[in-house]
Amino acid sequence: MIPQLACVFGHCIGAAAFMATLSDFILMEAEATLSIAGARINQAATGEC
């Protein structure tokens, strides 16, 4: 078996975040986020427009 590795270098939202969580290992930068919620919830959480 070959382990799956995901790298997150910024905001990862929606289906891309879900796919990253299916990996065996996730490497993330200090400012990186994973969000599977909708756009309004992500906007409130990150403070971005």
PDB file of N, CA and C in Angstrom:
ATOM      1  N   MET A   1       0.835  -1.172   0.000  1.00  0.00           N
ATOM      2  CA  MET A   1       0.000   0.000   0.000  1.00  0.00           C
ATOM      3  C   MET A   1       0.888   1.246   0.000  1.00  0.00           C
ATOM      4  N   ILE A   2       0.504   2.238  -0.767  1.00  0.00           N
ATOM      5  CA  ILE A   2       1.222   3.508  -0.847  1.00  0.00           C
ATOM      6  C   ILE A   2       0.414   4.572  -0.100  1.00  0.00           C
ATOM      7  N   PRO A   3       0.997   5.215   0.921  1.00  0.00           N
ATOM      8  CA  PRO A   3       0.269   6.257   1.659  1.00  0.00           C
ATOM      9  C   PRO A   3      -0.033   7.462   0.771  1.00  0.00           C
ATOM     10  N   GLN A   4      -1.196   8.058   0.973  1.00  0.00           N
ATOM     11  CA  GLN A   4      -1.598   9.253   0.245  1.00  0.00           C
ATOM     12  C   GLN A   4      -1.219  10.472   1.074  1.00  0.00           C
ATOM     13  N   LEU A   5      -0.680  11.494   0.427  1.00  0.00           N
ATOM     14  CA  LEU A   5      -0.224  12.704   1.092  1.00  0.00           C
ATOM     15  C   LEU A   5      -0.928  13.904   0.469  1.00  0.00           C
ATOM     16  N   ALA A   6      -1.466  14.793   1.295  1.00  0.00           N
ATOM     17  CA  ALA A   6      -2.088  16.039   0.822  1.00  0.00           C
ATOM     18  C   ALA A   6      -1.328  17.215   1.424  1.00  0.00           C
ATOM     19  N   CYS A   7      -1.099  18.256   0.636  1.00  0.00           N
ATOM     20  CA  CYS A   7      -0.438  19.478   1.095  1.00  0.00           C
ATOM     21  C   CYS A   7      -1.392  20.647   0.901  1.00  0.00           C
ATOM     22  N   VAL A   8      -1.578  21.453   1.947  1.00  0.00           N
ATOM     23  CA  VAL A   8      -2.473  22.601   1.885  1.00  0.00           C
ATOM     24  C   VAL A   8      -1.646  23.852   2.186  1.00  0.00           C
ATOM     25  N   PHE A   9      -1.637  24.784   1.226  1.00  0.00           N
ATOM     26  CA  PHE A   9      -0.818  25.986   1.356  1.00  0.00           C
ATOM     27  C   PHE A   9      -1.637  27.261   1.471  1.00  0.00           C
ATOM     28  N   GLY A  10      -2.938  27.152   1.639  1.00  0.00           N
ATOM     29  CA  GLY A  10      -3.808  28.317   1.767  1.00  0.00           C
ATOM     30  C   GLY A  10      -5.192  27.845   2.173  1.00  0.00           C
ATOM     31  N   HIS A  11      -6.210  28.578   1.736  1.00  0.00           N
ATOM     32  CA  HIS A  11      -7.588  28.181   2.042  1.00  0.00           C
ATOM     33  C   HIS A  11      -8.000  27.056   1.103  1.00  0.00           C
ATOM     34  N   CYS A  12      -8.488  25.990   1.663  1.00  0.00           N
ATOM     35  CA  CYS A  12      -8.958  24.834   0.906  1.00  0.00           C
ATOM     36  C   CYS A  12     -10.421  24.637   1.288  1.00  0.00           C
ATOM     37  N   ILE A  13     -11.322  24.882   0.327  1.00  0.00           N
ATOM     38  CA  ILE A  13     -12.752  24.954   0.636  1.00  0.00           C
ATOM     39  C   ILE A  13     -13.541  23.976  -0.226  1.00  0.00           C
ATOM     40  N   GLY A  14     -14.570  23.391   0.363  1.00  0.00           N
ATOM     41  CA  GLY A  14     -15.511  22.559  -0.370  1.00  0.00           C
ATOM     42  C   GLY A  14     -14.981  21.165  -0.672  1.00  0.00           C
ATOM     43  N   ALA A  15     -15.212  20.700  -1.910  1.00  0.00           N
ATOM     44  CA  ALA A  15     -14.845  19.342  -2.305  1.00  0.00           C
ATOM     45  C   ALA A  15     -13.341  19.108  -2.193  1.00  0.00           C
ATOM     46  N   ALA A  16     -12.535  20.120  -2.481  1.00  0.00           N
ATOM     47  CA  ALA A  16     -11.078  19.973  -2.369  1.00  0.00           C
ATOM     48  C   ALA A  16     -10.675  19.685  -0.923  1.00  0.00           C
ATOM     49  N   ALA A  17     -11.333  20.321   0.030  1.00  0.00           N
ATOM     50  CA  ALA A  17     -11.046  20.072   1.440  1.00  0.00           C
ATOM     51  C   ALA A  17     -11.462  18.658   1.831  1.00  0.00           C
ATOM     52  N   PHE A  18     -12.589  18.220   1.300  1.00  0.00           N
ATOM     53  CA  PHE A  18     -13.056  16.871   1.598  1.00  0.00           C
ATOM     54  C   PHE A  18     -12.065  15.841   1.063  1.00  0.00           C
ATOM     55  N   MET A  19     -11.551  16.048  -0.137  1.00  0.00           N
ATOM     56  CA  MET A  19     -10.593  15.118  -0.723  1.00  0.00           C
ATOM     57  C   MET A  19      -9.300  15.084   0.099  1.00  0.00           C
ATOM     58  N   ALA A  20      -8.876  16.240   0.614  1.00  0.00           N
ATOM     59  CA  ALA A  20      -7.660  16.275   1.437  1.00  0.00           C
ATOM     60  C   ALA A  20      -7.838  15.458   2.714  1.00  0.00           C
ATOM     61  N   THR A  21      -9.035  15.466   3.280  1.00  0.00           N
ATOM     62  CA  THR A  21      -9.262  14.729   4.526  1.00  0.00           C
ATOM     63  C   THR A  21      -9.252  13.220   4.313  1.00  0.00           C
ATOM     64  N   LEU A  22      -9.391  12.770   3.072  1.00  0.00           N
ATOM     65  CA  LEU A  22      -9.349  11.340   2.791  1.00  0.00           C
ATOM     66  C   LEU A  22      -7.921  10.818   2.686  1.00  0.00           C
ATOM     67  N   SER A  23      -6.941  11.709   2.715  1.00  0.00           N
ATOM     68  CA  SER A  23      -5.534  11.309   2.640  1.00  0.00           C
ATOM     69  C   SER A  23      -5.077  10.719   3.967  1.00  0.00           C
ATOM     70  N   ASP A  24      -3.971   9.982   3.923  1.00  0.00           N
ATOM     71  CA  ASP A  24      -3.395   9.414   5.136  1.00  0.00           C
ATOM     72  C   ASP A  24      -2.682  10.474   5.963  1.00  0.00           C
ATOM     73  N   PHE A  25      -2.042  11.431   5.291  1.00  0.00           N
ATOM     74  CA  PHE A  25      -1.307  12.502   5.961  1.00  0.00           C
ATOM     75  C   PHE A  25      -1.641  13.825   5.292  1.00  0.00           C
ATOM     76  N   ILE A  26      -1.784  14.891   6.082  1.00  0.00           N
ATOM     77  CA  ILE A  26      -2.031  16.231   5.554  1.00  0.00           C
ATOM     78  C   ILE A  26      -0.962  17.159   6.101  1.00  0.00           C
ATOM     79  N   LEU A  27      -0.203  17.790   5.210  1.00  0.00           N
ATOM     80  CA  LEU A  27       0.783  18.803   5.590  1.00  0.00           C
ATOM     81  C   LEU A  27       0.173  20.163   5.313  1.00  0.00           C
ATOM     82  N   MET A  28       0.177  21.040   6.333  1.00  0.00           N
ATOM     83  CA  MET A  28      -0.453  22.352   6.185  1.00  0.00           C
ATOM     84  C   MET A  28       0.493  23.447   6.652  1.00  0.00           C
ATOM     85  N   GLU A  29       0.476  24.595   5.937  1.00  0.00           N
ATOM     86  CA  GLU A  29       1.189  25.780   6.395  1.00  0.00           C
ATOM     87  C   GLU A  29       0.474  26.338   7.623  1.00  0.00           C
ATOM     88  N   ALA A  30       1.130  27.231   8.332  1.00  0.00           N
ATOM     89  CA  ALA A  30       0.549  27.815   9.549  1.00  0.00           C
ATOM     90  C   ALA A  30      -0.752  28.563   9.263  1.00  0.00           C
ATOM     91  N   GLU A  31      -0.863  29.219   8.120  1.00  0.00           N
ATOM     92  CA  GLU A  31      -2.052  30.008   7.779  1.00  0.00           C
ATOM     93  C   GLU A  31      -3.082  29.214   6.963  1.00  0.00           C
ATOM     94  N   ALA A  32      -2.843  27.958   6.703  1.00  0.00           N
ATOM     95  CA  ALA A  32      -3.739  27.150   5.872  1.00  0.00           C
ATOM     96  C   ALA A  32      -5.003  26.761   6.633  1.00  0.00           C
ATOM     97  N   THR A  33      -6.108  26.610   5.891  1.00  0.00           N
ATOM     98  CA  THR A  33      -7.373  26.193   6.489  1.00  0.00           C
ATOM     99  C   THR A  33      -8.064  25.163   5.607  1.00  0.00           C
ATOM    100  N   LEU A  34      -8.837  24.291   6.225  1.00  0.00           N
ATOM    101  CA  LEU A  34      -9.704  23.344   5.528  1.00  0.00           C
ATOM    102  C   LEU A  34     -11.136  23.650   5.955  1.00  0.00           C
ATOM    103  N   SER A  35     -12.025  23.890   4.994  1.00  0.00           N
ATOM    104  CA  SER A  35     -13.425  24.207   5.298  1.00  0.00           C
ATOM    105  C   SER A  35     -14.332  23.472   4.331  1.00  0.00           C
ATOM    106  N   ILE A  36     -15.286  22.727   4.866  1.00  0.00           N
ATOM    107  CA  ILE A  36     -16.221  22.003   4.017  1.00  0.00           C
ATOM    108  C   ILE A  36     -17.584  22.697   4.005  1.00  0.00           C
ATOM    109  N   ALA A  37     -17.735  23.774   4.765  1.00  0.00           N
ATOM    110  CA  ALA A  37     -19.011  24.482   4.872  1.00  0.00           C
ATOM    111  C   ALA A  37     -19.242  25.392   3.659  1.00  0.00           C
ATOM    112  N   GLY A  38     -20.390  26.051   3.652  1.00  0.00           N
ATOM    113  CA  GLY A  38     -20.759  26.951   2.563  1.00  0.00           C
ATOM    114  C   GLY A  38     -19.986  28.263   2.571  1.00  0.00           C
ATOM    115  N   ALA A  39     -20.162  29.046   1.536  1.00  0.00           N
ATOM    116  CA  ALA A  39     -19.402  30.281   1.322  1.00  0.00           C
ATOM    117  C   ALA A  39     -19.598  31.302   2.444  1.00  0.00           C
ATOM    118  N   ARG A  40     -20.819  31.475   2.911  1.00  0.00           N
ATOM    119  CA  ARG A  40     -21.070  32.468   3.963  1.00  0.00           C
ATOM    120  C   ARG A  40     -20.381  32.088   5.271  1.00  0.00           C
ATOM    121  N   ILE A  41     -20.390  30.828   5.602  1.00  0.00           N
ATOM    122  CA  ILE A  41     -19.722  30.379   6.827  1.00  0.00           C
ATOM    123  C   ILE A  41     -18.205  30.532   6.692  1.00  0.00           C
ATOM    124  N   ASN A  42     -17.678  30.201   5.529  1.00  0.00           N
ATOM    125  CA  ASN A  42     -16.244  30.362   5.296  1.00  0.00           C
ATOM    126  C   ASN A  42     -15.847  31.837   5.357  1.00  0.00           C
ATOM    127  N   GLN A  43     -16.670  32.712   4.804  1.00  0.00           N
ATOM    128  CA  GLN A  43     -16.383  34.141   4.835  1.00  0.00           C
ATOM    129  C   GLN A  43     -16.344  34.644   6.275  1.00  0.00           C
ATOM    130  N   ALA A  44     -17.287  34.214   7.088  1.00  0.00           N
ATOM    131  CA  ALA A  44     -17.322  34.629   8.490  1.00  0.00           C
ATOM    132  C   ALA A  44     -16.111  34.100   9.253  1.00  0.00           C
ATOM    133  N   ALA A  45     -15.682  32.873   8.924  1.00  0.00           N
ATOM    134  CA  ALA A  45     -14.560  32.261   9.639  1.00  0.00           C
ATOM    135  C   ALA A  45     -13.224  32.884   9.260  1.00  0.00           C
ATOM    136  N   THR A  46     -13.045  33.239   7.978  1.00  0.00           N
ATOM    137  CA  THR A  46     -11.757  33.750   7.515  1.00  0.00           C
ATOM    138  C   THR A  46     -11.705  35.264   7.507  1.00  0.00           C
ATOM    139  N   GLY A  47     -12.861  35.936   7.529  1.00  0.00           N
ATOM    140  CA  GLY A  47     -12.896  37.390   7.492  1.00  0.00           C
ATOM    141  C   GLY A  47     -12.628  37.972   6.119  1.00  0.00           C
ATOM    142  N   GLU A  48     -12.633  37.138   5.087  1.00  0.00           N
ATOM    143  CA  GLU A  48     -12.382  37.586   3.725  1.00  0.00           C
ATOM    144  C   GLU A  48     -13.690  37.854   2.991  1.00  0.00           C
ATOM    145  N   CYS A  49     -13.630  38.690   1.993  1.00  0.00           N
ATOM    146  CA  CYS A  49     -14.822  39.014   1.193  1.00  0.00           C
ATOM    147  C   CYS A  49     -15.041  38.000   0.110  1.00  0.00           C
TER     148      CYS A  49
END
